[in-house]
Structure formats: structure tokens, C-alpha cells
Amino acid sequence: MFEVFLISRAEKVIKSLDDIKLRRRIKEVIDTLSHTYFPERYDIKKLKGVKNTYRLRIGDYRIIYTVNFTNSQIFVSSITPRKKAY
């Protein structure tokens, strides 16, 4: 089981979302990450050139997170609309 940490700007994005369904969906996905860093039912890709960093797609939003396998920790570094994610 992984311990999930949200960096403060990721928390701010979640709180600022007007769409309640999207906010709930993002929170559910982040909760799912605590059970496995690579949930099969979501569109996840490893980012090139960055060690242990992944991109998870939720509609038009992207969740960028890094996995520390040694300490079983996941750090959610950003939650951004697709336009701003890349």
C-alpha cells in the first residue's frame, strides 16, 4: 500500500474546481493510487526522461505523480488541464 502526498498547488487546484463531479472523480483516482501506483482501469503513461514519474488522464485534466518505491510513497505534483500540462 502506498502513502499519497499532494503538493500544495495540487490541493489548490482540487479546491478551485467548479465542477463537483470532476473534483470527486479526481479525489477517487488519488485514493485509488494509494492501493496501487498503476491502476489498470485508467489511462496512465510513464513520462520520458523523468525517473518514476507518470501521467494519469482524467478527462481533460492530467495528474502528474512520482512514485518512491523504496518508501512506498506517491507524490502528486500537479493537476492541470491538458493544455497547460505539456
PDB file of N, CA and C in Angstrom:
ATOM      1  N   MET A   1       0.840  -1.174   0.000  1.00  0.00           N
ATOM      2  CA  MET A   1       0.000   0.000   0.000  1.00  0.00           C
ATOM      3  C   MET A   1       0.894   1.250   0.000  1.00  0.00           C
ATOM      4  N   PHE A   2       0.507   2.237  -0.755  1.00  0.00           N
ATOM      5  CA  PHE A   2       1.283   3.464  -0.894  1.00  0.00           C
ATOM      6  C   PHE A   2       0.651   4.594  -0.083  1.00  0.00           C
ATOM      7  N   GLU A   3       1.500   5.475   0.415  1.00  0.00           N
ATOM      8  CA  GLU A   3       1.047   6.684   1.084  1.00  0.00           C
ATOM      9  C   GLU A   3       1.085   7.802   0.047  1.00  0.00           C
ATOM     10  N   VAL A   4      -0.028   8.517  -0.127  1.00  0.00           N
ATOM     11  CA  VAL A   4      -0.141   9.540  -1.166  1.00  0.00           C
ATOM     12  C   VAL A   4      -0.035  10.926  -0.538  1.00  0.00           C
ATOM     13  N   PHE A   5       0.835  11.759  -1.125  1.00  0.00           N
ATOM     14  CA  PHE A   5       1.003  13.139  -0.681  1.00  0.00           C
ATOM     15  C   PHE A   5       0.655  14.066  -1.831  1.00  0.00           C
ATOM     16  N   LEU A   6      -0.123  15.100  -1.537  1.00  0.00           N
ATOM     17  CA  LEU A   6      -0.444  16.114  -2.539  1.00  0.00           C
ATOM     18  C   LEU A   6       0.392  17.347  -2.256  1.00  0.00           C
ATOM     19  N   ILE A   7       1.112  17.812  -3.251  1.00  0.00           N
ATOM     20  CA  ILE A   7       1.845  19.057  -3.123  1.00  0.00           C
ATOM     21  C   ILE A   7       0.812  20.179  -3.078  1.00  0.00           C
ATOM     22  N   SER A   8       1.111  21.252  -2.364  1.00  0.00           N
ATOM     23  CA  SER A   8       0.122  22.291  -2.074  1.00  0.00           C
ATOM     24  C   SER A   8      -0.575  22.841  -3.312  1.00  0.00           C
ATOM     25  N   ARG A   9       0.144  23.009  -4.426  1.00  0.00           N
ATOM     26  CA  ARG A   9      -0.532  23.557  -5.608  1.00  0.00           C
ATOM     27  C   ARG A   9      -1.541  22.565  -6.180  1.00  0.00           C
ATOM     28  N   ALA A  10      -1.284  21.253  -6.012  1.00  0.00           N
ATOM     29  CA  ALA A  10      -2.256  20.248  -6.460  1.00  0.00           C
ATOM     30  C   ALA A  10      -3.516  20.321  -5.602  1.00  0.00           C
ATOM     31  N   GLU A  11      -3.348  20.519  -4.295  1.00  0.00           N
ATOM     32  CA  GLU A  11      -4.502  20.677  -3.415  1.00  0.00           C
ATOM     33  C   GLU A  11      -5.316  21.908  -3.791  1.00  0.00           C
ATOM     34  N   LYS A  12      -4.634  23.001  -4.121  1.00  0.00           N
ATOM     35  CA  LYS A  12      -5.319  24.241  -4.503  1.00  0.00           C
ATOM     36  C   LYS A  12      -6.148  24.045  -5.760  1.00  0.00           C
ATOM     37  N   VAL A  13      -5.622  23.288  -6.708  1.00  0.00           N
ATOM     38  CA  VAL A  13      -6.355  23.041  -7.951  1.00  0.00           C
ATOM     39  C   VAL A  13      -7.633  22.265  -7.659  1.00  0.00           C
ATOM     40  N   ILE A  14      -7.531  21.240  -6.829  1.00  0.00           N
ATOM     41  CA  ILE A  14      -8.716  20.449  -6.491  1.00  0.00           C
ATOM     42  C   ILE A  14      -9.773  21.328  -5.830  1.00  0.00           C
ATOM     43  N   LYS A  15      -9.363  22.157  -4.892  1.00  0.00           N
ATOM     44  CA  LYS A  15     -10.304  23.029  -4.188  1.00  0.00           C
ATOM     45  C   LYS A  15     -10.919  24.075  -5.099  1.00  0.00           C
ATOM     46  N   SER A  16     -10.188  24.479  -6.144  1.00  0.00           N
ATOM     47  CA  SER A  16     -10.678  25.538  -7.019  1.00  0.00           C
ATOM     48  C   SER A  16     -11.572  25.041  -8.158  1.00  0.00           C
ATOM     49  N   LEU A  17     -11.677  23.738  -8.341  1.00  0.00           N
ATOM     50  CA  LEU A  17     -12.505  23.199  -9.420  1.00  0.00           C
ATOM     51  C   LEU A  17     -13.982  23.485  -9.168  1.00  0.00           C
ATOM     52  N   ASP A  18     -14.645  24.051 -10.165  1.00  0.00           N
ATOM     53  CA  ASP A  18     -16.071  24.350 -10.064  1.00  0.00           C
ATOM     54  C   ASP A  18     -16.936  23.117 -10.299  1.00  0.00           C
ATOM     55  N   ASP A  19     -16.440  22.203 -11.127  1.00  0.00           N
ATOM     56  CA  ASP A  19     -17.185  21.004 -11.476  1.00  0.00           C
ATOM     57  C   ASP A  19     -17.071  19.987 -10.330  1.00  0.00           C
ATOM     58  N   ILE A  20     -18.165  19.806  -9.601  1.00  0.00           N
ATOM     59  CA  ILE A  20     -18.152  18.932  -8.429  1.00  0.00           C
ATOM     60  C   ILE A  20     -17.894  17.479  -8.823  1.00  0.00           C
ATOM     61  N   LYS A  21     -18.460  17.043  -9.948  1.00  0.00           N
ATOM     62  CA  LYS A  21     -18.246  15.664 -10.401  1.00  0.00           C
ATOM     63  C   LYS A  21     -16.784  15.417 -10.727  1.00  0.00           C
ATOM     64  N   LEU A  22     -16.146  16.367 -11.395  1.00  0.00           N
ATOM     65  CA  LEU A  22     -14.730  16.233 -11.724  1.00  0.00           C
ATOM     66  C   LEU A  22     -13.887  16.215 -10.456  1.00  0.00           C
ATOM     67  N   ARG A  23     -14.208  17.078  -9.520  1.00  0.00           N
ATOM     68  CA  ARG A  23     -13.478  17.130  -8.250  1.00  0.00           C
ATOM     69  C   ARG A  23     -13.575  15.786  -7.529  1.00  0.00           C
ATOM     70  N   ARG A  24     -14.779  15.232  -7.478  1.00  0.00           N
ATOM     71  CA  ARG A  24     -14.988  13.936  -6.824  1.00  0.00           C
ATOM     72  C   ARG A  24     -14.223  12.830  -7.554  1.00  0.00           C
ATOM     73  N   ARG A  25     -14.257  12.876  -8.865  1.00  0.00           N
ATOM     74  CA  ARG A  25     -13.574  11.858  -9.666  1.00  0.00           C
ATOM     75  C   ARG A  25     -12.060  11.900  -9.446  1.00  0.00           C
ATOM     76  N   ILE A  26     -11.497  13.097  -9.388  1.00  0.00           N
ATOM     77  CA  ILE A  26     -10.055  13.238  -9.153  1.00  0.00           C
ATOM     78  C   ILE A  26      -9.694  12.720  -7.765  1.00  0.00           C
ATOM     79  N   LYS A  27     -10.512  13.026  -6.776  1.00  0.00           N
ATOM     80  CA  LYS A  27     -10.239  12.536  -5.422  1.00  0.00           C
ATOM     81  C   LYS A  27     -10.298  11.010  -5.366  1.00  0.00           C
ATOM     82  N   GLU A  28     -11.251  10.416  -6.086  1.00  0.00           N
ATOM     83  CA  GLU A  28     -11.358   8.956  -6.122  1.00  0.00           C
ATOM     84  C   GLU A  28     -10.129   8.333  -6.757  1.00  0.00           C
ATOM     85  N   VAL A  29      -9.654   8.939  -7.829  1.00  0.00           N
ATOM     86  CA  VAL A  29      -8.465   8.413  -8.513  1.00  0.00           C
ATOM     87  C   VAL A  29      -7.248   8.501  -7.597  1.00  0.00           C
ATOM     88  N   ILE A  30      -7.098   9.617  -6.907  1.00  0.00           N
ATOM     89  CA  ILE A  30      -5.963   9.772  -5.993  1.00  0.00           C
ATOM     90  C   ILE A  30      -6.048   8.744  -4.871  1.00  0.00           C
ATOM     91  N   ASP A  31      -7.265   8.463  -4.393  1.00  0.00           N
ATOM     92  CA  ASP A  31      -7.442   7.430  -3.377  1.00  0.00           C
ATOM     93  C   ASP A  31      -7.064   6.056  -3.931  1.00  0.00           C
ATOM     94  N   THR A  32      -7.406   5.803  -5.190  1.00  0.00           N
ATOM     95  CA  THR A  32      -7.056   4.543  -5.830  1.00  0.00           C
ATOM     96  C   THR A  32      -5.540   4.378  -5.930  1.00  0.00           C
ATOM     97  N   LEU A  33      -4.826   5.473  -6.121  1.00  0.00           N
ATOM     98  CA  LEU A  33      -3.363   5.407  -6.200  1.00  0.00           C
ATOM     99  C   LEU A  33      -2.758   4.868  -4.911  1.00  0.00           C
ATOM    100  N   SER A  34      -3.413   5.051  -3.797  1.00  0.00           N
ATOM    101  CA  SER A  34      -2.859   4.564  -2.529  1.00  0.00           C
ATOM    102  C   SER A  34      -2.820   3.032  -2.481  1.00  0.00           C
ATOM    103  N   HIS A  35      -3.657   2.382  -3.279  1.00  0.00           N
ATOM    104  CA  HIS A  35      -3.687   0.923  -3.312  1.00  0.00           C
ATOM    105  C   HIS A  35      -2.704   0.351  -4.330  1.00  0.00           C
ATOM    106  N   THR A  36      -2.505   1.056  -5.407  1.00  0.00           N
ATOM    107  CA  THR A  36      -1.546   0.643  -6.422  1.00  0.00           C
ATOM    108  C   THR A  36      -1.122   1.873  -7.214  1.00  0.00           C
ATOM    109  N   TYR A  37       0.155   1.970  -7.517  1.00  0.00           N
ATOM    110  CA  TYR A  37       0.637   3.151  -8.230  1.00  0.00           C
ATOM    111  C   TYR A  37       0.241   3.136  -9.697  1.00  0.00           C
ATOM    112  N   PHE A  38      -0.262   1.996 -10.203  1.00  0.00           N
ATOM    113  CA  PHE A  38      -0.584   1.860 -11.617  1.00  0.00           C
ATOM    114  C   PHE A  38      -1.948   1.189 -11.777  1.00  0.00           C
ATOM    115  N   PRO A  39      -3.043   1.887 -11.402  1.00  0.00           N
ATOM    116  CA  PRO A  39      -4.367   1.273 -11.548  1.00  0.00           C
ATOM    117  C   PRO A  39      -4.670   1.002 -13.018  1.00  0.00           C
ATOM    118  N   GLU A  40      -5.050  -0.217 -13.330  1.00  0.00           N
ATOM    119  CA  GLU A  40      -5.214  -0.651 -14.717  1.00  0.00           C
ATOM    120  C   GLU A  40      -6.356   0.031 -15.463  1.00  0.00           C
ATOM    121  N   ARG A  41      -7.377   0.460 -14.763  1.00  0.00           N
ATOM    122  CA  ARG A  41      -8.544   0.979 -15.476  1.00  0.00           C
ATOM    123  C   ARG A  41      -8.395   2.434 -15.918  1.00  0.00           C
ATOM    124  N   TYR A  42      -7.268   3.060 -15.633  1.00  0.00           N
ATOM    125  CA  TYR A  42      -7.043   4.449 -16.023  1.00  0.00           C
ATOM    126  C   TYR A  42      -5.965   4.541 -17.089  1.00  0.00           C
ATOM    127  N   ASP A  43      -6.002   5.632 -17.852  1.00  0.00           N
ATOM    128  CA  ASP A  43      -5.013   5.894 -18.895  1.00  0.00           C
ATOM    129  C   ASP A  43      -3.770   6.504 -18.237  1.00  0.00           C
ATOM    130  N   ILE A  44      -2.757   5.656 -18.027  1.00  0.00           N
ATOM    131  CA  ILE A  44      -1.530   6.091 -17.366  1.00  0.00           C
ATOM    132  C   ILE A  44      -0.358   5.817 -18.290  1.00  0.00           C
ATOM    133  N   LYS A  45       0.533   6.791 -18.368  1.00  0.00           N
ATOM    134  CA  LYS A  45       1.752   6.616 -19.157  1.00  0.00           C
ATOM    135  C   LYS A  45       2.936   7.115 -18.356  1.00  0.00           C
ATOM    136  N   LYS A  46       4.050   6.443 -18.515  1.00  0.00           N
ATOM    137  CA  LYS A  46       5.293   6.876 -17.879  1.00  0.00           C
ATOM    138  C   LYS A  46       5.841   8.046 -18.679  1.00  0.00           C
ATOM    139  N   LEU A  47       6.286   9.083 -17.993  1.00  0.00           N
ATOM    140  CA  LEU A  47       6.871  10.239 -18.668  1.00  0.00           C
ATOM    141  C   LEU A  47       8.316   9.947 -19.033  1.00  0.00           C
ATOM    142  N   LYS A  48       8.677  10.283 -20.236  1.00  0.00           N
ATOM    143  CA  LYS A  48      10.035  10.041 -20.715  1.00  0.00           C
ATOM    144  C   LYS A  48      10.998  11.036 -20.085  1.00  0.00           C
ATOM    145  N   GLY A  49      12.175  10.551 -19.746  1.00  0.00           N
ATOM    146  CA  GLY A  49      13.224  11.418 -19.249  1.00  0.00           C
ATOM    147  C   GLY A  49      13.110  11.778 -17.776  1.00  0.00           C
ATOM    148  N   VAL A  50      12.072  11.300 -17.104  1.00  0.00           N
ATOM    149  CA  VAL A  50      11.891  11.600 -15.679  1.00  0.00           C
ATOM    150  C   VAL A  50      11.689  10.266 -14.953  1.00  0.00           C
ATOM    151  N   LYS A  51      12.545   9.992 -13.997  1.00  0.00           N
ATOM    152  CA  LYS A  51      12.529   8.702 -13.315  1.00  0.00           C
ATOM    153  C   LYS A  51      11.284   8.548 -12.428  1.00  0.00           C
ATOM    154  N   ASN A  52      10.592   7.436 -12.592  1.00  0.00           N
ATOM    155  CA  ASN A  52       9.424   7.055 -11.781  1.00  0.00           C
ATOM    156  C   ASN A  52       8.309   8.096 -11.763  1.00  0.00           C
ATOM    157  N   THR A  53       8.133   8.817 -12.855  1.00  0.00           N
ATOM    158  CA  THR A  53       7.078   9.825 -12.938  1.00  0.00           C
ATOM    159  C   THR A  53       6.064   9.407 -14.000  1.00  0.00           C
ATOM    160  N   TYR A  54       4.793   9.564 -13.657  1.00  0.00           N
ATOM    161  CA  TYR A  54       3.705   9.102 -14.510  1.00  0.00           C
ATOM    162  C   TYR A  54       2.685  10.208 -14.741  1.00  0.00           C
ATOM    163  N   ARG A  55       1.928  10.042 -15.827  1.00  0.00           N
ATOM    164  CA  ARG A  55       0.836  10.942 -16.183  1.00  0.00           C
ATOM    165  C   ARG A  55      -0.436  10.119 -16.196  1.00  0.00           C
ATOM    166  N   LEU A  56      -1.446  10.591 -15.476  1.00  0.00           N
ATOM    167  CA  LEU A  56      -2.728   9.918 -15.418  1.00  0.00           C
ATOM    168  C   LEU A  56      -3.772  10.852 -16.001  1.00  0.00           C
ATOM    169  N   ARG A  57      -4.552  10.361 -16.960  1.00  0.00           N
ATOM    170  CA  ARG A  57      -5.536  11.197 -17.651  1.00  0.00           C
ATOM    171  C   ARG A  57      -6.910  11.005 -17.031  1.00  0.00           C
ATOM    172  N   ILE A  58      -7.534  12.141 -16.673  1.00  0.00           N
ATOM    173  CA  ILE A  58      -8.916  12.171 -16.194  1.00  0.00           C
ATOM    174  C   ILE A  58      -9.630  13.220 -17.042  1.00  0.00           C
ATOM    175  N   GLY A  59     -10.310  12.787 -18.082  1.00  0.00           N
ATOM    176  CA  GLY A  59     -10.980  13.719 -18.985  1.00  0.00           C
ATOM    177  C   GLY A  59      -9.992  14.680 -19.603  1.00  0.00           C
ATOM    178  N   ASP A  60     -10.221  15.974 -19.433  1.00  0.00           N
ATOM    179  CA  ASP A  60      -9.317  16.990 -19.971  1.00  0.00           C
ATOM    180  C   ASP A  60      -8.220  17.365 -18.992  1.00  0.00           C
ATOM    181  N   TYR A  61      -8.152  16.702 -17.846  1.00  0.00           N
ATOM    182  CA  TYR A  61      -7.136  17.003 -16.842  1.00  0.00           C
ATOM    183  C   TYR A  61      -6.071  15.922 -16.802  1.00  0.00           C
ATOM    184  N   ARG A  62      -4.892  16.318 -16.365  1.00  0.00           N
ATOM    185  CA  ARG A  62      -3.770  15.401 -16.224  1.00  0.00           C
ATOM    186  C   ARG A  62      -3.248  15.484 -14.793  1.00  0.00           C
ATOM    187  N   ILE A  63      -3.022  14.317 -14.196  1.00  0.00           N
ATOM    188  CA  ILE A  63      -2.420  14.238 -12.872  1.00  0.00           C
ATOM    189  C   ILE A  63      -1.007  13.718 -13.076  1.00  0.00           C
ATOM    190  N   ILE A  64      -0.034  14.498 -12.648  1.00  0.00           N
ATOM    191  CA  ILE A  64       1.367  14.108 -12.751  1.00  0.00           C
ATOM    192  C   ILE A  64       1.818  13.684 -11.355  1.00  0.00           C
ATOM    193  N   TYR A  65       2.381  12.464 -11.256  1.00  0.00           N
ATOM    194  CA  TYR A  65       2.816  11.984  -9.947  1.00  0.00           C
ATOM    195  C   TYR A  65       4.112  11.187 -10.058  1.00  0.00           C
ATOM    196  N   THR A  66       4.839  11.183  -8.950  1.00  0.00           N
ATOM    197  CA  THR A  66       6.111  10.475  -8.857  1.00  0.00           C
ATOM    198  C   THR A  66       5.983   9.401  -7.790  1.00  0.00           C
ATOM    199  N   VAL A  67       6.551   8.232  -8.073  1.00  0.00           N
ATOM    200  CA  VAL A  67       6.469   7.105  -7.144  1.00  0.00           C
ATOM    201  C   VAL A  67       7.838   6.861  -6.522  1.00  0.00           C
ATOM    202  N   ASN A  68       7.876   6.796  -5.202  1.00  0.00           N
ATOM    203  CA  ASN A  68       9.079   6.413  -4.469  1.00  0.00           C
ATOM    204  C   ASN A  68       8.842   4.982  -4.002  1.00  0.00           C
ATOM    205  N   PHE A  69       9.419   4.020  -4.727  1.00  0.00           N
ATOM    206  CA  PHE A  69       9.169   2.614  -4.438  1.00  0.00           C
ATOM    207  C   PHE A  69       9.816   2.178  -3.124  1.00  0.00           C
ATOM    208  N   THR A  70      10.933   2.782  -2.777  1.00  0.00           N
ATOM    209  CA  THR A  70      11.649   2.411  -1.563  1.00  0.00           C
ATOM    210  C   THR A  70      10.810   2.653  -0.316  1.00  0.00           C
ATOM    211  N   ASN A  71      10.149   3.800  -0.245  1.00  0.00           N
ATOM    212  CA  ASN A  71       9.347   4.170   0.924  1.00  0.00           C
ATOM    213  C   ASN A  71       7.849   3.997   0.712  1.00  0.00           C
ATOM    214  N   SER A  72       7.448   3.432  -0.416  1.00  0.00           N
ATOM    215  CA  SER A  72       6.030   3.246  -0.767  1.00  0.00           C
ATOM    216  C   SER A  72       5.248   4.552  -0.649  1.00  0.00           C
ATOM    217  N   GLN A  73       5.757   5.577  -1.339  1.00  0.00           N
ATOM    218  CA  GLN A  73       5.131   6.890  -1.322  1.00  0.00           C
ATOM    219  C   GLN A  73       4.854   7.369  -2.734  1.00  0.00           C
ATOM    220  N   ILE A  74       3.762   8.114  -2.893  1.00  0.00           N
ATOM    221  CA  ILE A  74       3.403   8.743  -4.160  1.00  0.00           C
ATOM    222  C   ILE A  74       3.238  10.231  -3.898  1.00  0.00           C
ATOM    223  N   PHE A  75       3.877  11.035  -4.736  1.00  0.00           N
ATOM    224  CA  PHE A  75       3.796  12.485  -4.623  1.00  0.00           C
ATOM    225  C   PHE A  75       3.067  13.029  -5.842  1.00  0.00           C
ATOM    226  N   VAL A  76       1.868  13.571  -5.645  1.00  0.00           N
ATOM    227  CA  VAL A  76       1.100  14.188  -6.726  1.00  0.00           C
ATOM    228  C   VAL A  76       1.610  15.613  -6.863  1.00  0.00           C
ATOM    229  N   SER A  77       2.311  15.885  -7.965  1.00  0.00           N
ATOM    230  CA  SER A  77       2.953  17.186  -8.116  1.00  0.00           C
ATOM    231  C   SER A  77       2.091  18.196  -8.847  1.00  0.00           C
ATOM    232  N   SER A  78       1.211  17.727  -9.751  1.00  0.00           N
ATOM    233  CA  SER A  78       0.357  18.696 -10.439  1.00  0.00           C
ATOM    234  C   SER A  78      -0.918  18.053 -10.950  1.00  0.00           C
ATOM    235  N   ILE A  79      -1.946  18.867 -10.967  1.00  0.00           N
ATOM    236  CA  ILE A  79      -3.232  18.514 -11.557  1.00  0.00           C
ATOM    237  C   ILE A  79      -3.574  19.704 -12.438  1.00  0.00           C
ATOM    238  N   THR A  80      -3.498  19.501 -13.753  1.00  0.00           N
ATOM    239  CA  THR A  80      -3.673  20.628 -14.673  1.00  0.00           C
ATOM    240  C   THR A  80      -4.512  20.233 -15.874  1.00  0.00           C
ATOM    241  N   PRO A  81      -5.149  21.227 -16.503  1.00  0.00           N
ATOM    242  CA  PRO A  81      -5.831  20.947 -17.767  1.00  0.00           C
ATOM    243  C   PRO A  81      -4.799  20.517 -18.808  1.00  0.00           C
ATOM    244  N   ARG A  82      -5.215  19.732 -19.755  1.00  0.00           N
ATOM    245  CA  ARG A  82      -4.308  19.180 -20.747  1.00  0.00           C
ATOM    246  C   ARG A  82      -3.509  20.276 -21.455  1.00  0.00           C
ATOM    247  N   LYS A  83      -4.145  21.400 -21.756  1.00  0.00           N
ATOM    248  CA  LYS A  83      -3.477  22.489 -22.489  1.00  0.00           C
ATOM    249  C   LYS A  83      -2.228  22.965 -21.759  1.00  0.00           C
ATOM    250  N   LYS A  84      -2.277  22.983 -20.432  1.00  0.00           N
ATOM    251  CA  LYS A  84      -1.167  23.507 -19.652  1.00  0.00           C
ATOM    252  C   LYS A  84      -0.211  22.423 -19.146  1.00  0.00           C
ATOM    253  N   ALA A  85      -0.579  21.160 -19.306  1.00  0.00           N
ATOM    254  CA  ALA A  85       0.206  20.072 -18.730  1.00  0.00           C
ATOM    255  C   ALA A  85       1.507  19.807 -19.486  1.00  0.00           C
ATOM    256  N   TYR A  86       1.530  20.091 -20.780  1.00  0.00           N
ATOM    257  CA  TYR A  86       2.716  19.708 -21.566  1.00  0.00           C
ATOM    258  C   TYR A  86       3.408  20.928 -22.113  1.00  0.00           C
TER     259      TYR A  86
END
